[in-house]
């Protein structure tokens, strides 16, 4: 008895639309290159929505996206491999976190974007430790740490230079 190709290969789990849209950071993860940068830029576009930067909007939005993003990243990693570039929800969460309690101006958005992208690429401790591990939550945590570091750098800069 011969096996058909479908029987001889383990079937990969399929992604539903909700997982795909959330995990890929509203489809930015499917960009042909620099998907993390594109996801981070999309995160800034949300600040064009009136009152999105309000603490009553940004904090719960970040927390909710972190939680559902962790589950989506977990599912997507099972299909695409460890910390795949198609998962960019982590960049959005990290970018939003970098702007908590920061006055929203074009200069501040630009500074946050540049600092966050540098830290996301360099992965300072302990972000690099999370990046080495598998799992949706590890995908999320390395960008959360980059976002926290970005926020701390900006908070210090504002207090020193009074932006």
C-alpha atoms as a PDB file:
ATOM      1  CA  UNK A   1       0.000   0.000   0.000  1.00  0.00           C
ATOM      2  CA  UNK A   2       1.425   3.390  -0.990  1.00  0.00           C
ATOM      3  CA  UNK A   3       0.983   6.558   0.969  1.00  0.00           C
ATOM      4  CA  UNK A   4      -0.187   9.782  -0.565  1.00  0.00           C
ATOM      5  CA  UNK A   5       1.997  12.846   0.077  1.00  0.00           C
ATOM      6  CA  UNK A   6      -0.551  14.145   2.590  1.00  0.00           C
ATOM      7  CA  UNK A   7      -0.440  10.912   4.593  1.00  0.00           C
ATOM      8  CA  UNK A   8       3.350  10.680   4.668  1.00  0.00           C
ATOM      9  CA  UNK A   9       3.900  14.235   5.877  1.00  0.00           C
ATOM     10  CA  UNK A  10       2.671  15.553   9.189  1.00  0.00           C
ATOM     11  CA  UNK A  11       0.117  18.235   8.543  1.00  0.00           C
ATOM     12  CA  UNK A  12       1.038  21.661   9.822  1.00  0.00           C
ATOM     13  CA  UNK A  13      -1.565  23.411  11.923  1.00  0.00           C
ATOM     14  CA  UNK A  14      -3.522  26.042  10.053  1.00  0.00           C
ATOM     15  CA  UNK A  15      -3.732  29.621  11.206  1.00  0.00           C
ATOM     16  CA  UNK A  16      -7.078  31.302  11.528  1.00  0.00           C
ATOM     17  CA  UNK A  17      -7.533  34.877  10.312  1.00  0.00           C
ATOM     18  CA  UNK A  18      -7.503  36.352  13.844  1.00  0.00           C
ATOM     19  CA  UNK A  19      -4.191  34.672  14.721  1.00  0.00           C
ATOM     20  CA  UNK A  20      -2.681  35.733  11.415  1.00  0.00           C
ATOM     21  CA  UNK A  21      -3.737  39.398  11.692  1.00  0.00           C
ATOM     22  CA  UNK A  22      -2.675  39.759  15.335  1.00  0.00           C
ATOM     23  CA  UNK A  23       0.545  37.725  15.176  1.00  0.00           C
ATOM     24  CA  UNK A  24       1.717  39.451  12.025  1.00  0.00           C
ATOM     25  CA  UNK A  25       1.094  42.883  13.521  1.00  0.00           C
ATOM     26  CA  UNK A  26      -1.840  43.695  11.245  1.00  0.00           C
ATOM     27  CA  UNK A  27      -0.062  41.985   8.329  1.00  0.00           C
ATOM     28  CA  UNK A  28       3.171  44.004   8.623  1.00  0.00           C
ATOM     29  CA  UNK A  29       5.015  40.740   9.218  1.00  0.00           C
ATOM     30  CA  UNK A  30       4.315  39.719   5.632  1.00  0.00           C
ATOM     31  CA  UNK A  31       6.284  42.679   4.242  1.00  0.00           C
ATOM     32  CA  UNK A  32       9.094  41.475   1.967  1.00  0.00           C
ATOM     33  CA  UNK A  33      11.820  43.035   4.124  1.00  0.00           C
ATOM     34  CA  UNK A  34      12.400  44.858   7.414  1.00  0.00           C
ATOM     35  CA  UNK A  35       9.125  43.577   8.835  1.00  0.00           C
ATOM     36  CA  UNK A  36      10.125  44.569  12.378  1.00  0.00           C
ATOM     37  CA  UNK A  37      10.761  48.151  11.305  1.00  0.00           C
ATOM     38  CA  UNK A  38       7.480  48.258   9.403  1.00  0.00           C
ATOM     39  CA  UNK A  39       5.619  46.839  12.419  1.00  0.00           C
ATOM     40  CA  UNK A  40       7.232  49.467  14.657  1.00  0.00           C
ATOM     41  CA  UNK A  41       6.235  52.217  12.207  1.00  0.00           C
ATOM     42  CA  UNK A  42       2.660  50.945  12.167  1.00  0.00           C
ATOM     43  CA  UNK A  43       2.652  51.124  15.960  1.00  0.00           C
ATOM     44  CA  UNK A  44       3.371  54.851  15.665  1.00  0.00           C
ATOM     45  CA  UNK A  45       0.503  55.303  13.196  1.00  0.00           C
ATOM     46  CA  UNK A  46      -1.913  54.412  16.010  1.00  0.00           C
ATOM     47  CA  UNK A  47      -0.896  57.681  17.675  1.00  0.00           C
ATOM     48  CA  UNK A  48      -2.708  59.504  14.862  1.00  0.00           C
ATOM     49  CA  UNK A  49      -5.963  58.169  16.339  1.00  0.00           C
ATOM     50  CA  UNK A  50      -7.391  60.879  18.596  1.00  0.00           C
ATOM     51  CA  UNK A  51      -6.757  60.148  22.294  1.00  0.00           C
ATOM     52  CA  UNK A  52      -4.883  56.904  21.611  1.00  0.00           C
ATOM     53  CA  UNK A  53      -1.935  58.295  23.590  1.00  0.00           C
ATOM     54  CA  UNK A  54      -4.203  58.829  26.595  1.00  0.00           C
ATOM     55  CA  UNK A  55      -3.114  56.569  29.440  1.00  0.00           C
ATOM     56  CA  UNK A  56      -6.693  55.253  29.514  1.00  0.00           C
ATOM     57  CA  UNK A  57      -6.194  53.991  25.947  1.00  0.00           C
ATOM     58  CA  UNK A  58      -2.519  53.147  25.534  1.00  0.00           C
ATOM     59  CA  UNK A  59      -2.013  51.116  28.719  1.00  0.00           C
ATOM     60  CA  UNK A  60      -4.990  48.749  28.310  1.00  0.00           C
ATOM     61  CA  UNK A  61      -4.356  48.494  24.549  1.00  0.00           C
ATOM     62  CA  UNK A  62      -0.743  47.483  25.175  1.00  0.00           C
ATOM     63  CA  UNK A  63      -1.687  44.923  27.825  1.00  0.00           C
ATOM     64  CA  UNK A  64      -4.481  43.370  25.752  1.00  0.00           C
ATOM     65  CA  UNK A  65      -2.311  43.186  22.625  1.00  0.00           C
ATOM     66  CA  UNK A  66       0.521  41.677  24.682  1.00  0.00           C
ATOM     67  CA  UNK A  67      -1.731  38.895  25.975  1.00  0.00           C
ATOM     68  CA  UNK A  68      -3.432  37.994  22.694  1.00  0.00           C
ATOM     69  CA  UNK A  69      -0.152  38.567  20.853  1.00  0.00           C
ATOM     70  CA  UNK A  70       1.623  36.025  23.049  1.00  0.00           C
ATOM     71  CA  UNK A  71      -0.910  33.347  22.101  1.00  0.00           C
ATOM     72  CA  UNK A  72      -0.802  34.313  18.418  1.00  0.00           C
ATOM     73  CA  UNK A  73       3.028  34.328  18.394  1.00  0.00           C
ATOM     74  CA  UNK A  74       3.021  30.860  19.957  1.00  0.00           C
ATOM     75  CA  UNK A  75       0.787  29.484  17.205  1.00  0.00           C
ATOM     76  CA  UNK A  76       2.743  31.189  14.440  1.00  0.00           C
ATOM     77  CA  UNK A  77       6.073  29.954  15.791  1.00  0.00           C
ATOM     78  CA  UNK A  78       4.831  26.367  15.463  1.00  0.00           C
ATOM     79  CA  UNK A  79       4.410  26.937  11.737  1.00  0.00           C
ATOM     80  CA  UNK A  80       7.202  29.378  10.859  1.00  0.00           C
ATOM     81  CA  UNK A  81       9.935  28.377  13.338  1.00  0.00           C
ATOM     82  CA  UNK A  82      11.565  30.108  16.296  1.00  0.00           C
ATOM     83  CA  UNK A  83      10.940  33.874  16.500  1.00  0.00           C
ATOM     84  CA  UNK A  84       9.966  34.208  12.831  1.00  0.00           C
ATOM     85  CA  UNK A  85      10.145  37.585  11.092  1.00  0.00           C
ATOM     86  CA  UNK A  86       6.468  37.227  10.175  1.00  0.00           C
ATOM     87  CA  UNK A  87       5.579  37.796  13.855  1.00  0.00           C
ATOM     88  CA  UNK A  88       5.603  41.556  14.431  1.00  0.00           C
ATOM     89  CA  UNK A  89       2.975  41.978  17.139  1.00  0.00           C
ATOM     90  CA  UNK A  90       5.903  42.102  19.556  1.00  0.00           C
ATOM     91  CA  UNK A  91       7.273  45.221  17.836  1.00  0.00           C
ATOM     92  CA  UNK A  92       3.917  46.951  18.164  1.00  0.00           C
ATOM     93  CA  UNK A  93       3.648  46.134  21.866  1.00  0.00           C
ATOM     94  CA  UNK A  94       7.249  47.184  22.514  1.00  0.00           C
ATOM     95  CA  UNK A  95       6.819  50.428  20.593  1.00  0.00           C
ATOM     96  CA  UNK A  96       3.625  51.294  22.454  1.00  0.00           C
ATOM     97  CA  UNK A  97       5.272  50.520  25.795  1.00  0.00           C
ATOM     98  CA  UNK A  98       8.192  52.777  24.915  1.00  0.00           C
ATOM     99  CA  UNK A  99       5.737  55.694  24.742  1.00  0.00           C
ATOM    100  CA  UNK A 100       3.888  55.228  28.046  1.00  0.00           C
ATOM    101  CA  UNK A 101       3.965  58.520  30.007  1.00  0.00           C
ATOM    102  CA  UNK A 102       5.840  60.266  27.169  1.00  0.00           C
ATOM    103  CA  UNK A 103       4.430  63.507  25.709  1.00  0.00           C
ATOM    104  CA  UNK A 104       3.412  62.753  22.138  1.00  0.00           C
ATOM    105  CA  UNK A 105       5.231  65.053  19.740  1.00  0.00           C
ATOM    106  CA  UNK A 106       6.763  64.237  16.368  1.00  0.00           C
ATOM    107  CA  UNK A 107      10.231  64.571  17.903  1.00  0.00           C
ATOM    108  CA  UNK A 108       9.407  62.187  20.746  1.00  0.00           C
ATOM    109  CA  UNK A 109       7.800  59.660  18.399  1.00  0.00           C
ATOM    110  CA  UNK A 110      10.882  59.775  16.178  1.00  0.00           C
ATOM    111  CA  UNK A 111      13.293  59.423  19.089  1.00  0.00           C
ATOM    112  CA  UNK A 112      11.298  56.531  20.535  1.00  0.00           C
ATOM    113  CA  UNK A 113      11.250  54.806  17.146  1.00  0.00           C
ATOM    114  CA  UNK A 114      15.010  55.122  16.614  1.00  0.00           C
ATOM    115  CA  UNK A 115      15.960  54.103  20.154  1.00  0.00           C
ATOM    116  CA  UNK A 116      13.504  51.196  20.166  1.00  0.00           C
ATOM    117  CA  UNK A 117      14.733  49.840  16.824  1.00  0.00           C
ATOM    118  CA  UNK A 118      18.371  50.032  17.966  1.00  0.00           C
ATOM    119  CA  UNK A 119      17.605  48.253  21.238  1.00  0.00           C
ATOM    120  CA  UNK A 120      15.406  45.685  19.498  1.00  0.00           C
ATOM    121  CA  UNK A 121      18.284  44.841  17.166  1.00  0.00           C
ATOM    122  CA  UNK A 122      21.017  44.856  19.847  1.00  0.00           C
ATOM    123  CA  UNK A 123      18.865  42.984  22.413  1.00  0.00           C
ATOM    124  CA  UNK A 124      20.549  44.172  25.629  1.00  0.00           C
ATOM    125  CA  UNK A 125      20.328  41.894  28.657  1.00  0.00           C
ATOM    126  CA  UNK A 126      17.945  40.264  29.445  1.00  0.00           C
ATOM    127  CA  UNK A 127      16.217  40.721  26.061  1.00  0.00           C
ATOM    128  CA  UNK A 128      18.810  38.540  24.331  1.00  0.00           C
ATOM    129  CA  UNK A 129      18.117  35.713  26.792  1.00  0.00           C
ATOM    130  CA  UNK A 130      14.424  35.695  25.856  1.00  0.00           C
ATOM    131  CA  UNK A 131      15.314  35.910  22.165  1.00  0.00           C
ATOM    132  CA  UNK A 132      17.285  32.648  22.398  1.00  0.00           C
ATOM    133  CA  UNK A 133      14.286  30.714  23.738  1.00  0.00           C
ATOM    134  CA  UNK A 134      11.296  29.299  21.918  1.00  0.00           C
ATOM    135  CA  UNK A 135       7.715  30.218  22.683  1.00  0.00           C
ATOM    136  CA  UNK A 136       5.305  33.032  22.048  1.00  0.00           C
ATOM    137  CA  UNK A 137       5.933  34.697  25.394  1.00  0.00           C
ATOM    138  CA  UNK A 138       9.682  34.812  24.778  1.00  0.00           C
ATOM    139  CA  UNK A 139       9.008  36.428  21.397  1.00  0.00           C
ATOM    140  CA  UNK A 140       6.962  39.083  23.192  1.00  0.00           C
ATOM    141  CA  UNK A 141       9.281  39.638  26.162  1.00  0.00           C
ATOM    142  CA  UNK A 142      12.421  40.594  24.254  1.00  0.00           C
ATOM    143  CA  UNK A 143      10.515  43.501  22.664  1.00  0.00           C
ATOM    144  CA  UNK A 144       8.819  44.405  25.939  1.00  0.00           C
ATOM    145  CA  UNK A 145      12.282  44.783  27.451  1.00  0.00           C
ATOM    146  CA  UNK A 146      13.451  46.911  24.509  1.00  0.00           C
ATOM    147  CA  UNK A 147      10.317  49.041  24.977  1.00  0.00           C
ATOM    148  CA  UNK A 148      10.943  49.428  28.715  1.00  0.00           C
ATOM    149  CA  UNK A 149      14.577  50.409  28.118  1.00  0.00           C
ATOM    150  CA  UNK A 150      13.477  52.914  25.466  1.00  0.00           C
ATOM    151  CA  UNK A 151      10.966  54.420  27.869  1.00  0.00           C
ATOM    152  CA  UNK A 152      13.548  54.695  30.647  1.00  0.00           C
ATOM    153  CA  UNK A 153      16.062  56.364  28.296  1.00  0.00           C
ATOM    154  CA  UNK A 154      13.434  58.867  27.155  1.00  0.00           C
ATOM    155  CA  UNK A 155      12.269  59.577  30.724  1.00  0.00           C
ATOM    156  CA  UNK A 156      15.855  60.307  31.766  1.00  0.00           C
ATOM    157  CA  UNK A 157      16.477  62.458  28.677  1.00  0.00           C
ATOM    158  CA  UNK A 158      13.340  64.522  29.371  1.00  0.00           C
ATOM    159  CA  UNK A 159      14.379  65.167  32.934  1.00  0.00           C
ATOM    160  CA  UNK A 160      17.909  66.160  31.943  1.00  0.00           C
ATOM    161  CA  UNK A 161      17.139  68.248  28.853  1.00  0.00           C
ATOM    162  CA  UNK A 162      13.493  69.189  29.406  1.00  0.00           C
ATOM    163  CA  UNK A 163      12.380  68.287  25.866  1.00  0.00           C
END
